[in-house]
């Protein structure tokens, strides 16, 4: 997911996306723990997507304060 695409979404949409990605990350971790996950790179990609969204939300919050 590109940051450019994420910046077009509203704050509530981004927060919903973070919730969905955290749930997906949990499922991926469970599958990895039981050796059922084929593409382990998805773990890192999902973590990076979460961090990217949180960064955008923090940038917006900071910009609103100033």
PDB file of N, CA and C in Angstrom:
ATOM      1  N   UNK A   1       0.840  -1.166   0.000  1.00  0.00           N
ATOM      2  CA  UNK A   1       0.000   0.000   0.000  1.00  0.00           C
ATOM      3  C   UNK A   1       0.891   1.237   0.000  1.00  0.00           C
ATOM      4  N   UNK A   2       0.612   2.149  -0.875  1.00  0.00           N
ATOM      5  CA  UNK A   2       1.439   3.337  -1.025  1.00  0.00           C
ATOM      6  C   UNK A   2       0.961   4.444  -0.084  1.00  0.00           C
ATOM      7  N   UNK A   3       1.897   5.240   0.391  1.00  0.00           N
ATOM      8  CA  UNK A   3       1.557   6.357   1.270  1.00  0.00           C
ATOM      9  C   UNK A   3       0.679   7.361   0.535  1.00  0.00           C
ATOM     10  N   UNK A   4       0.899   7.517  -0.740  1.00  0.00           N
ATOM     11  CA  UNK A   4       0.100   8.455  -1.541  1.00  0.00           C
ATOM     12  C   UNK A   4      -1.376   8.051  -1.509  1.00  0.00           C
ATOM     13  N   UNK A   5      -1.639   6.766  -1.628  1.00  0.00           N
ATOM     14  CA  UNK A   5      -3.014   6.265  -1.581  1.00  0.00           C
ATOM     15  C   UNK A   5      -3.621   6.465  -0.196  1.00  0.00           C
ATOM     16  N   UNK A   6      -2.817   6.253   0.834  1.00  0.00           N
ATOM     17  CA  UNK A   6      -3.310   6.376   2.199  1.00  0.00           C
ATOM     18  C   UNK A   6      -3.628   7.815   2.560  1.00  0.00           C
ATOM     19  N   UNK A   7      -2.872   8.755   2.037  1.00  0.00           N
ATOM     20  CA  UNK A   7      -3.098  10.166   2.348  1.00  0.00           C
ATOM     21  C   UNK A   7      -4.439  10.660   1.808  1.00  0.00           C
ATOM     22  N   UNK A   8      -5.004   9.971   0.845  1.00  0.00           N
ATOM     23  CA  UNK A   8      -6.297  10.356   0.286  1.00  0.00           C
ATOM     24  C   UNK A   8      -7.455   9.940   1.179  1.00  0.00           C
ATOM     25  N   UNK A   9      -7.208   9.040   2.136  1.00  0.00           N
ATOM     26  CA  UNK A   9      -8.259   8.546   3.025  1.00  0.00           C
ATOM     27  C   UNK A   9      -8.436   9.488   4.212  1.00  0.00           C
ATOM     28  N   UNK A  10      -9.635   9.473   4.795  1.00  0.00           N
ATOM     29  CA  UNK A  10      -9.902  10.300   5.973  1.00  0.00           C
ATOM     30  C   UNK A  10      -9.330   9.609   7.222  1.00  0.00           C
ATOM     31  N   UNK A  11      -9.294  10.359   8.321  1.00  0.00           N
ATOM     32  CA  UNK A  11      -8.779   9.804   9.575  1.00  0.00           C
ATOM     33  C   UNK A  11      -9.571   8.585  10.050  1.00  0.00           C
ATOM     34  N   UNK A  12     -10.907   8.638  10.057  1.00  0.00           N
ATOM     35  CA  UNK A  12     -11.651   7.434  10.492  1.00  0.00           C
ATOM     36  C   UNK A  12     -11.397   6.227   9.587  1.00  0.00           C
ATOM     37  N   UNK A  13     -11.235   6.475   8.296  1.00  0.00           N
ATOM     38  CA  UNK A  13     -10.939   5.365   7.380  1.00  0.00           C
ATOM     39  C   UNK A  13      -9.564   4.777   7.675  1.00  0.00           C
ATOM     40  N   UNK A  14      -8.605   5.634   7.988  1.00  0.00           N
ATOM     41  CA  UNK A  14      -7.264   5.155   8.324  1.00  0.00           C
ATOM     42  C   UNK A  14      -7.275   4.368   9.626  1.00  0.00           C
ATOM     43  N   UNK A  15      -8.032   4.837  10.601  1.00  0.00           N
ATOM     44  CA  UNK A  15      -8.116   4.114  11.874  1.00  0.00           C
ATOM     45  C   UNK A  15      -8.759   2.746  11.683  1.00  0.00           C
ATOM     46  N   UNK A  16      -9.772   2.679  10.833  1.00  0.00           N
ATOM     47  CA  UNK A  16     -10.397   1.395  10.526  1.00  0.00           C
ATOM     48  C   UNK A  16      -9.404   0.472   9.835  1.00  0.00           C
ATOM     49  N   UNK A  17      -8.613   1.036   8.933  1.00  0.00           N
ATOM     50  CA  UNK A  17      -7.609   0.257   8.205  1.00  0.00           C
ATOM     51  C   UNK A  17      -6.567  -0.313   9.179  1.00  0.00           C
ATOM     52  N   UNK A  18      -6.164   0.486  10.170  1.00  0.00           N
ATOM     53  CA  UNK A  18      -5.205   0.009  11.177  1.00  0.00           C
ATOM     54  C   UNK A  18      -5.792  -1.165  11.943  1.00  0.00           C
ATOM     55  N   UNK A  19      -7.067  -1.063  12.331  1.00  0.00           N
ATOM     56  CA  UNK A  19      -7.715  -2.175  13.043  1.00  0.00           C
ATOM     57  C   UNK A  19      -7.711  -3.443  12.200  1.00  0.00           C
ATOM     58  N   UNK A  20      -8.071  -3.297  10.925  1.00  0.00           N
ATOM     59  CA  UNK A  20      -8.105  -4.452  10.032  1.00  0.00           C
ATOM     60  C   UNK A  20      -6.718  -5.072   9.870  1.00  0.00           C
ATOM     61  N   UNK A  21      -5.704  -4.219   9.713  1.00  0.00           N
ATOM     62  CA  UNK A  21      -4.345  -4.736   9.527  1.00  0.00           C
ATOM     63  C   UNK A  21      -3.826  -5.406  10.789  1.00  0.00           C
ATOM     64  N   UNK A  22      -4.184  -4.884  11.950  1.00  0.00           N
ATOM     65  CA  UNK A  22      -3.753  -5.519  13.203  1.00  0.00           C
ATOM     66  C   UNK A  22      -4.397  -6.894  13.358  1.00  0.00           C
ATOM     67  N   UNK A  23      -5.655  -7.004  12.962  1.00  0.00           N
ATOM     68  CA  UNK A  23      -6.310  -8.315  12.998  1.00  0.00           C
ATOM     69  C   UNK A  23      -5.646  -9.272  12.018  1.00  0.00           C
ATOM     70  N   UNK A  24      -5.324  -8.770  10.838  1.00  0.00           N
ATOM     71  CA  UNK A  24      -4.644  -9.612   9.849  1.00  0.00           C
ATOM     72  C   UNK A  24      -3.277 -10.046  10.351  1.00  0.00           C
ATOM     73  N   UNK A  25      -2.553  -9.123  10.987  1.00  0.00           N
ATOM     74  CA  UNK A  25      -1.240  -9.452  11.528  1.00  0.00           C
ATOM     75  C   UNK A  25      -1.356 -10.548  12.586  1.00  0.00           C
ATOM     76  N   UNK A  26      -2.381 -10.463  13.419  1.00  0.00           N
ATOM     77  CA  UNK A  26      -2.598 -11.505  14.424  1.00  0.00           C
ATOM     78  C   UNK A  26      -2.810 -12.862  13.753  1.00  0.00           C
ATOM     79  N   UNK A  27      -3.673 -12.886  12.718  1.00  0.00           N
ATOM     80  CA  UNK A  27      -3.925 -14.146  12.003  1.00  0.00           C
ATOM     81  C   UNK A  27      -2.652 -14.670  11.336  1.00  0.00           C
ATOM     82  N   UNK A  28      -1.864 -13.763  10.778  1.00  0.00           N
ATOM     83  CA  UNK A  28      -0.617 -14.196  10.135  1.00  0.00           C
ATOM     84  C   UNK A  28       0.351 -14.786  11.150  1.00  0.00           C
ATOM     85  N   UNK A  29       0.426 -14.161  12.326  1.00  0.00           N
ATOM     86  CA  UNK A  29       1.317 -14.679  13.375  1.00  0.00           C
ATOM     87  C   UNK A  29       0.872 -16.069  13.828  1.00  0.00           C
ATOM     88  N   UNK A  30      -0.429 -16.248  13.949  1.00  0.00           N
ATOM     89  CA  UNK A  30      -0.942 -17.557  14.352  1.00  0.00           C
ATOM     90  C   UNK A  30      -0.614 -18.606  13.296  1.00  0.00           C
ATOM     91  N   UNK A  31      -0.819 -18.266  12.041  1.00  0.00           N
ATOM     92  CA  UNK A  31      -0.513 -19.215  10.962  1.00  0.00           C
ATOM     93  C   UNK A  31       0.980 -19.505  10.896  1.00  0.00           C
ATOM     94  N   UNK A  32       1.795 -18.473  11.165  1.00  0.00           N
ATOM     95  CA  UNK A  32       3.241 -18.674  11.154  1.00  0.00           C
ATOM     96  C   UNK A  32       3.662 -19.602  12.300  1.00  0.00           C
ATOM     97  N   UNK A  33       3.020 -19.420  13.442  1.00  0.00           N
ATOM     98  CA  UNK A  33       3.342 -20.243  14.605  1.00  0.00           C
ATOM     99  C   UNK A  33       2.984 -21.700  14.414  1.00  0.00           C
ATOM    100  N   UNK A  34       1.992 -21.968  13.590  1.00  0.00           N
ATOM    101  CA  UNK A  34       1.584 -23.352  13.346  1.00  0.00           C
ATOM    102  C   UNK A  34       2.145 -23.881  12.026  1.00  0.00           C
ATOM    103  N   UNK A  35       3.084 -23.158  11.464  1.00  0.00           N
ATOM    104  CA  UNK A  35       3.780 -23.549  10.220  1.00  0.00           C
ATOM    105  C   UNK A  35       2.826 -23.683   9.035  1.00  0.00           C
ATOM    106  N   UNK A  36       1.782 -22.853   8.992  1.00  0.00           N
ATOM    107  CA  UNK A  36       0.851 -22.885   7.879  1.00  0.00           C
ATOM    108  C   UNK A  36       1.001 -21.665   6.968  1.00  0.00           C
ATOM    109  N   UNK A  37       1.914 -20.765   7.308  1.00  0.00           N
ATOM    110  CA  UNK A  37       2.096 -19.550   6.523  1.00  0.00           C
ATOM    111  C   UNK A  37       3.155 -19.805   5.455  1.00  0.00           C
ATOM    112  N   UNK A  38       2.769 -19.635   4.209  1.00  0.00           N
ATOM    113  CA  UNK A  38       3.702 -19.880   3.110  1.00  0.00           C
ATOM    114  C   UNK A  38       4.560 -18.656   2.809  1.00  0.00           C
ATOM    115  N   UNK A  39       3.943 -17.478   2.816  1.00  0.00           N
ATOM    116  CA  UNK A  39       4.664 -16.261   2.470  1.00  0.00           C
ATOM    117  C   UNK A  39       4.941 -15.459   3.745  1.00  0.00           C
ATOM    118  N   UNK A  40       6.087 -15.687   4.352  1.00  0.00           N
ATOM    119  CA  UNK A  40       6.421 -15.021   5.610  1.00  0.00           C
ATOM    120  C   UNK A  40       6.723 -13.539   5.417  1.00  0.00           C
ATOM    121  N   UNK A  41       6.960 -13.105   4.198  1.00  0.00           N
ATOM    122  CA  UNK A  41       7.219 -11.690   3.937  1.00  0.00           C
ATOM    123  C   UNK A  41       5.982 -10.843   4.219  1.00  0.00           C
ATOM    124  N   UNK A  42       4.810 -11.463   4.216  1.00  0.00           N
ATOM    125  CA  UNK A  42       3.576 -10.718   4.505  1.00  0.00           C
ATOM    126  C   UNK A  42       3.564 -10.178   5.920  1.00  0.00           C
ATOM    127  N   UNK A  43       4.244 -10.856   6.846  1.00  0.00           N
ATOM    128  CA  UNK A  43       4.330 -10.355   8.219  1.00  0.00           C
ATOM    129  C   UNK A  43       4.987  -8.978   8.239  1.00  0.00           C
ATOM    130  N   UNK A  44       6.124  -8.870   7.626  1.00  0.00           N
ATOM    131  CA  UNK A  44       6.850  -7.602   7.584  1.00  0.00           C
ATOM    132  C   UNK A  44       6.101  -6.532   6.816  1.00  0.00           C
ATOM    133  N   UNK A  45       5.483  -6.916   5.716  1.00  0.00           N
ATOM    134  CA  UNK A  45       4.733  -5.961   4.906  1.00  0.00           C
ATOM    135  C   UNK A  45       3.550  -5.402   5.685  1.00  0.00           C
ATOM    136  N   UNK A  46       2.868  -6.254   6.422  1.00  0.00           N
ATOM    137  CA  UNK A  46       1.718  -5.812   7.210  1.00  0.00           C
ATOM    138  C   UNK A  46       2.163  -4.874   8.326  1.00  0.00           C
ATOM    139  N   UNK A  47       3.278  -5.206   8.982  1.00  0.00           N
ATOM    140  CA  UNK A  47       3.804  -4.324  10.026  1.00  0.00           C
ATOM    141  C   UNK A  47       4.175  -2.965   9.451  1.00  0.00           C
ATOM    142  N   UNK A  48       4.791  -2.956   8.276  1.00  0.00           N
ATOM    143  CA  UNK A  48       5.172  -1.686   7.643  1.00  0.00           C
ATOM    144  C   UNK A  48       3.947  -0.871   7.244  1.00  0.00           C
ATOM    145  N   UNK A  49       2.901  -1.543   6.774  1.00  0.00           N
ATOM    146  CA  UNK A  49       1.670  -0.840   6.414  1.00  0.00           C
ATOM    147  C   UNK A  49       1.044  -0.180   7.644  1.00  0.00           C
ATOM    148  N   UNK A  50       1.038  -0.886   8.757  1.00  0.00           N
ATOM    149  CA  UNK A  50       0.509  -0.321   9.998  1.00  0.00           C
ATOM    150  C   UNK A  50       1.327   0.906  10.401  1.00  0.00           C
ATOM    151  N   UNK A  51       2.634   0.782  10.362  1.00  0.00           N
ATOM    152  CA  UNK A  51       3.504   1.897  10.734  1.00  0.00           C
ATOM    153  C   UNK A  51       3.304   3.080   9.796  1.00  0.00           C
ATOM    154  N   UNK A  52       3.123   2.818   8.524  1.00  0.00           N
ATOM    155  CA  UNK A  52       2.916   3.883   7.536  1.00  0.00           C
ATOM    156  C   UNK A  52       1.633   4.656   7.843  1.00  0.00           C
ATOM    157  N   UNK A  53       0.563   3.937   8.163  1.00  0.00           N
ATOM    158  CA  UNK A  53      -0.706   4.587   8.473  1.00  0.00           C
ATOM    159  C   UNK A  53      -0.600   5.390   9.765  1.00  0.00           C
ATOM    160  N   UNK A  54       0.020   4.809  10.783  1.00  0.00           N
ATOM    161  CA  UNK A  54       0.173   5.521  12.049  1.00  0.00           C
ATOM    162  C   UNK A  54       1.009   6.783  11.868  1.00  0.00           C
ATOM    163  N   UNK A  55       2.005   6.738  11.015  1.00  0.00           N
ATOM    164  CA  UNK A  55       2.825   7.910  10.734  1.00  0.00           C
ATOM    165  C   UNK A  55       1.988   9.011  10.099  1.00  0.00           C
ATOM    166  N   UNK A  56       1.150   8.656   9.156  1.00  0.00           N
ATOM    167  CA  UNK A  56       0.294   9.641   8.493  1.00  0.00           C
ATOM    168  C   UNK A  56      -0.682  10.252   9.505  1.00  0.00           C
ATOM    169  N   UNK A  57      -1.256   9.420  10.368  1.00  0.00           N
ATOM    170  CA  UNK A  57      -2.169   9.935  11.382  1.00  0.00           C
ATOM    171  C   UNK A  57      -1.457  10.895  12.336  1.00  0.00           C
ATOM    172  N   UNK A  58      -0.236  10.581  12.718  1.00  0.00           N
ATOM    173  CA  UNK A  58       0.521  11.456  13.622  1.00  0.00           C
ATOM    174  C   UNK A  58       0.914  12.749  12.933  1.00  0.00           C
ATOM    175  N   UNK A  59       1.264  12.672  11.658  1.00  0.00           N
ATOM    176  CA  UNK A  59       1.582  13.892  10.911  1.00  0.00           C
ATOM    177  C   UNK A  59       0.379  14.824  10.879  1.00  0.00           C
ATOM    178  N   UNK A  60      -0.800  14.266  10.638  1.00  0.00           N
ATOM    179  CA  UNK A  60      -2.018  15.075  10.583  1.00  0.00           C
ATOM    180  C   UNK A  60      -2.337  15.682  11.942  1.00  0.00           C
ATOM    181  N   UNK A  61      -2.154  14.905  12.997  1.00  0.00           N
ATOM    182  CA  UNK A  61      -2.434  15.402  14.341  1.00  0.00           C
ATOM    183  C   UNK A  61      -1.476  16.546  14.694  1.00  0.00           C
ATOM    184  N   UNK A  62      -0.236  16.378  14.314  1.00  0.00           N
ATOM    185  CA  UNK A  62       0.760  17.414  14.584  1.00  0.00           C
ATOM    186  C   UNK A  62       0.476  18.677  13.799  1.00  0.00           C
ATOM    187  N   UNK A  63       0.071  18.519  12.549  1.00  0.00           N
ATOM    188  CA  UNK A  63      -0.244  19.673  11.704  1.00  0.00           C
ATOM    189  C   UNK A  63      -1.467  20.407  12.235  1.00  0.00           C
ATOM    190  N   UNK A  64      -2.407  19.678  12.818  1.00  0.00           N
ATOM    191  CA  UNK A  64      -3.606  20.308  13.370  1.00  0.00           C
ATOM    192  C   UNK A  64      -3.300  21.116  14.619  1.00  0.00           C
ATOM    193  N   UNK A  65      -2.280  20.705  15.356  1.00  0.00           N
ATOM    194  CA  UNK A  65      -1.911  21.425  16.585  1.00  0.00           C
ATOM    195  C   UNK A  65      -1.253  22.753  16.295  1.00  0.00           C
ATOM    196  N   UNK A  66      -0.578  22.849  15.161  1.00  0.00           N
ATOM    197  CA  UNK A  66       0.169  24.092  14.859  1.00  0.00           C
ATOM    198  C   UNK A  66      -0.617  25.025  13.980  1.00  0.00           C
TER     199      UNK A  66
END
